Amino acid sequence: MDEVSTAKELATYLTPFLPYLVEAGKYAAGAAAKKFGESAWNGATTLWQKLWPKVEERPALKTAFDDVTNTPEDEDVQAALRVQLRKILLEDGSLAVELAQILSKLKDSGVNVVSSGERSIAVGRDITNSTINTGDSYRKG
């Protein structure tokens, strides 16, 4: 089991869903399912339900999730979340295995990664030897 990779995958997968997961109302759930797709939303809620008891127990983890919810583009904030996730995965091996299995099933099910916002990029698999244009250098001729 590679807790570092699992923590990174968890953080990456959950980040776009966090505003909806934190809100957790019926309206938020419906809006998230519509925006990301029902399958992706169900995956996020499954992961969140497994993680929530640890979030409640560990204030640093809750703070890390709150920080990513508020500033998802901040690389330092993302790193802090990955560190907190890795800590709980190292402490709770059965949870780590369970979350890794869920993430694996989500990958295998063809759940798409969704990115939103100006010049955002979402990648579901490797993109080695590829060119990505975010629109910064695009000129209409």
Protein backbone atom coordinates (compact mmCIF):
# COMPACT_ATOMS: atom_id res chain seq x y z
CA MET A 1 0.00 0.00 0.00
CA ASP A 2 1.34 3.38 -1.00
CA GLU A 3 -0.19 5.91 1.38
CA VAL A 4 1.50 8.84 -0.34
CA SER A 5 -0.14 8.03 -3.68
CA THR A 6 -3.49 7.32 -2.06
CA ALA A 7 -3.38 10.61 -0.15
CA LYS A 8 -2.58 12.48 -3.37
CA GLU A 9 -5.39 10.73 -5.27
CA LEU A 10 -7.86 11.45 -2.46
CA ALA A 11 -6.96 15.12 -2.32
CA THR A 12 -7.10 15.45 -6.10
CA TYR A 13 -10.41 13.64 -6.42
CA LEU A 14 -12.16 15.42 -3.55
CA THR A 15 -10.96 18.99 -4.12
CA PRO A 16 -13.55 20.05 -6.71
CA PHE A 17 -16.34 18.48 -4.64
CA LEU A 18 -15.41 20.03 -1.29
CA PRO A 19 -17.67 23.09 -1.43
CA TYR A 20 -20.63 20.76 -2.03
CA LEU A 21 -19.53 18.13 0.50
CA VAL A 22 -19.05 20.74 3.21
CA GLU A 23 -22.46 22.28 2.41
CA ALA A 24 -24.01 18.79 2.34
CA GLY A 25 -27.57 19.99 1.87
CA LYS A 26 -30.01 18.51 -0.62
CA TYR A 27 -29.62 21.52 -2.90
CA ALA A 28 -25.82 21.21 -2.82
CA ALA A 29 -26.00 17.50 -3.57
CA GLY A 30 -28.32 18.05 -6.51
CA ALA A 31 -26.18 20.86 -7.87
CA ALA A 32 -23.01 18.79 -7.52
CA ALA A 33 -24.56 15.74 -9.19
CA LYS A 34 -25.69 17.94 -12.06
CA LYS A 35 -22.31 19.66 -12.41
CA PHE A 36 -20.00 16.65 -12.03
CA GLY A 37 -22.26 13.76 -12.97
CA GLU A 38 -24.06 11.44 -10.63
CA SER A 39 -21.41 8.74 -10.68
CA ALA A 40 -18.59 11.14 -9.82
CA TRP A 41 -20.68 12.75 -7.07
CA ASN A 42 -21.56 9.34 -5.61
CA GLY A 43 -17.85 8.48 -5.57
CA ALA A 44 -17.02 11.72 -3.77
CA THR A 45 -19.73 11.21 -1.16
CA THR A 46 -18.61 7.62 -0.55
CA LEU A 47 -15.03 8.77 0.06
CA TRP A 48 -16.23 11.66 2.23
CA GLN A 49 -18.40 9.40 4.40
CA LYS A 50 -15.41 7.14 5.04
CA LEU A 51 -13.17 10.09 5.87
CA TRP A 52 -15.63 12.14 7.94
CA PRO A 53 -15.06 10.35 11.28
CA LYS A 54 -11.33 11.11 10.96
CA VAL A 55 -12.08 14.72 10.04
CA GLU A 56 -14.14 15.09 13.21
CA GLU A 57 -11.37 13.53 15.34
CA ARG A 58 -8.51 15.52 13.89
CA PRO A 59 -8.77 19.33 13.86
CA ALA A 60 -5.70 19.66 11.62
CA LEU A 61 -7.38 17.53 8.96
CA LYS A 62 -10.59 19.57 9.19
CA THR A 63 -8.56 22.77 8.86
CA ALA A 64 -6.75 21.35 5.82
CA PHE A 65 -10.06 20.49 4.15
CA ASP A 66 -11.46 23.94 4.99
CA ASP A 67 -8.36 25.62 3.57
CA VAL A 68 -8.59 23.66 0.32
CA THR A 69 -12.30 24.46 0.10
CA ASN A 70 -11.50 28.18 0.40
CA THR A 71 -8.36 28.27 -1.77
CA PRO A 72 -8.23 25.14 -3.92
CA GLU A 73 -5.59 26.54 -6.26
CA ASP A 74 -3.04 27.16 -3.47
CA GLU A 75 -0.32 24.49 -3.82
CA ASP A 76 0.80 24.89 -0.20
CA VAL A 77 -2.73 24.31 1.04
CA GLN A 78 -3.04 21.24 -1.19
CA ALA A 79 0.25 19.90 0.19
CA ALA A 80 -0.97 20.39 3.77
CA LEU A 81 -4.10 18.38 2.97
CA ARG A 82 -2.02 15.57 1.44
CA VAL A 83 0.17 15.45 4.55
CA GLN A 84 -2.86 15.20 6.86
CA LEU A 85 -4.44 12.53 4.68
CA ARG A 86 -1.21 10.55 4.61
CA LYS A 87 -1.03 10.65 8.41
CA ILE A 88 -4.47 9.13 8.84
CA LEU A 89 -3.79 6.51 6.17
CA LEU A 90 -0.57 5.50 7.93
CA GLU A 91 -2.38 5.30 11.27
CA ASP A 92 -5.40 3.35 9.99
CA GLY A 93 -4.31 0.68 7.55
CA SER A 94 -7.80 -0.74 7.04
CA LEU A 95 -9.15 2.69 6.12
CA ALA A 96 -6.21 3.20 3.76
CA VAL A 97 -6.97 -0.07 1.97
CA GLU A 98 -10.69 0.70 1.80
CA LEU A 99 -10.14 4.19 0.36
CA ALA A 100 -7.57 2.90 -2.16
CA GLN A 101 -10.09 0.28 -3.31
CA ILE A 102 -12.81 2.89 -3.73
CA LEU A 103 -10.47 5.12 -5.73
CA SER A 104 -9.49 2.17 -7.90
CA LYS A 105 -13.13 1.35 -8.60
CA LEU A 106 -13.80 4.97 -9.49
CA LYS A 107 -10.92 4.92 -11.99
CA ASP A 108 -12.08 1.62 -13.46
CA SER A 109 -15.69 2.79 -13.75
CA GLY A 110 -14.73 5.53 -16.15
CA VAL A 111 -15.64 8.35 -13.80
CA ASN A 112 -14.44 11.54 -15.40
CA VAL A 113 -12.33 14.10 -13.64
CA VAL A 114 -13.97 17.50 -13.85
CA SER A 115 -12.26 20.83 -13.70
CA SER A 116 -13.99 24.17 -13.56
CA GLY A 117 -12.86 27.73 -13.65
CA GLU A 118 -10.86 29.85 -15.99
CA ARG A 119 -7.90 28.02 -17.62
CA SER A 120 -8.53 24.90 -15.53
CA ILE A 121 -7.30 21.49 -16.61
CA ALA A 122 -8.54 18.07 -15.54
CA VAL A 123 -6.66 14.87 -16.27
CA GLY A 124 -8.02 11.39 -15.67
CA ARG A 125 -4.96 9.48 -16.83
CA ASP A 126 -1.38 10.14 -17.89
CA ILE A 127 -0.75 12.91 -20.38
CA THR A 128 2.94 12.45 -21.04
CA ASN A 129 4.30 13.98 -24.24
CA SER A 130 1.25 16.17 -24.63
CA THR A 131 0.68 19.86 -25.17
CA ILE A 132 -1.87 21.61 -22.99
CA ASN A 133 -3.22 25.00 -23.99
CA THR A 134 -4.98 26.88 -21.22
CA GLY A 135 -5.80 29.76 -23.51
CA ASP A 136 -3.09 32.11 -22.24
CA SER A 137 -1.27 32.18 -25.56
CA TYR A 138 -4.22 31.63 -27.86
CA ARG A 139 -4.68 34.35 -30.42
CA LYS A 140 -7.52 34.62 -32.81
CA GLY A 141 -6.23 35.52 -36.24
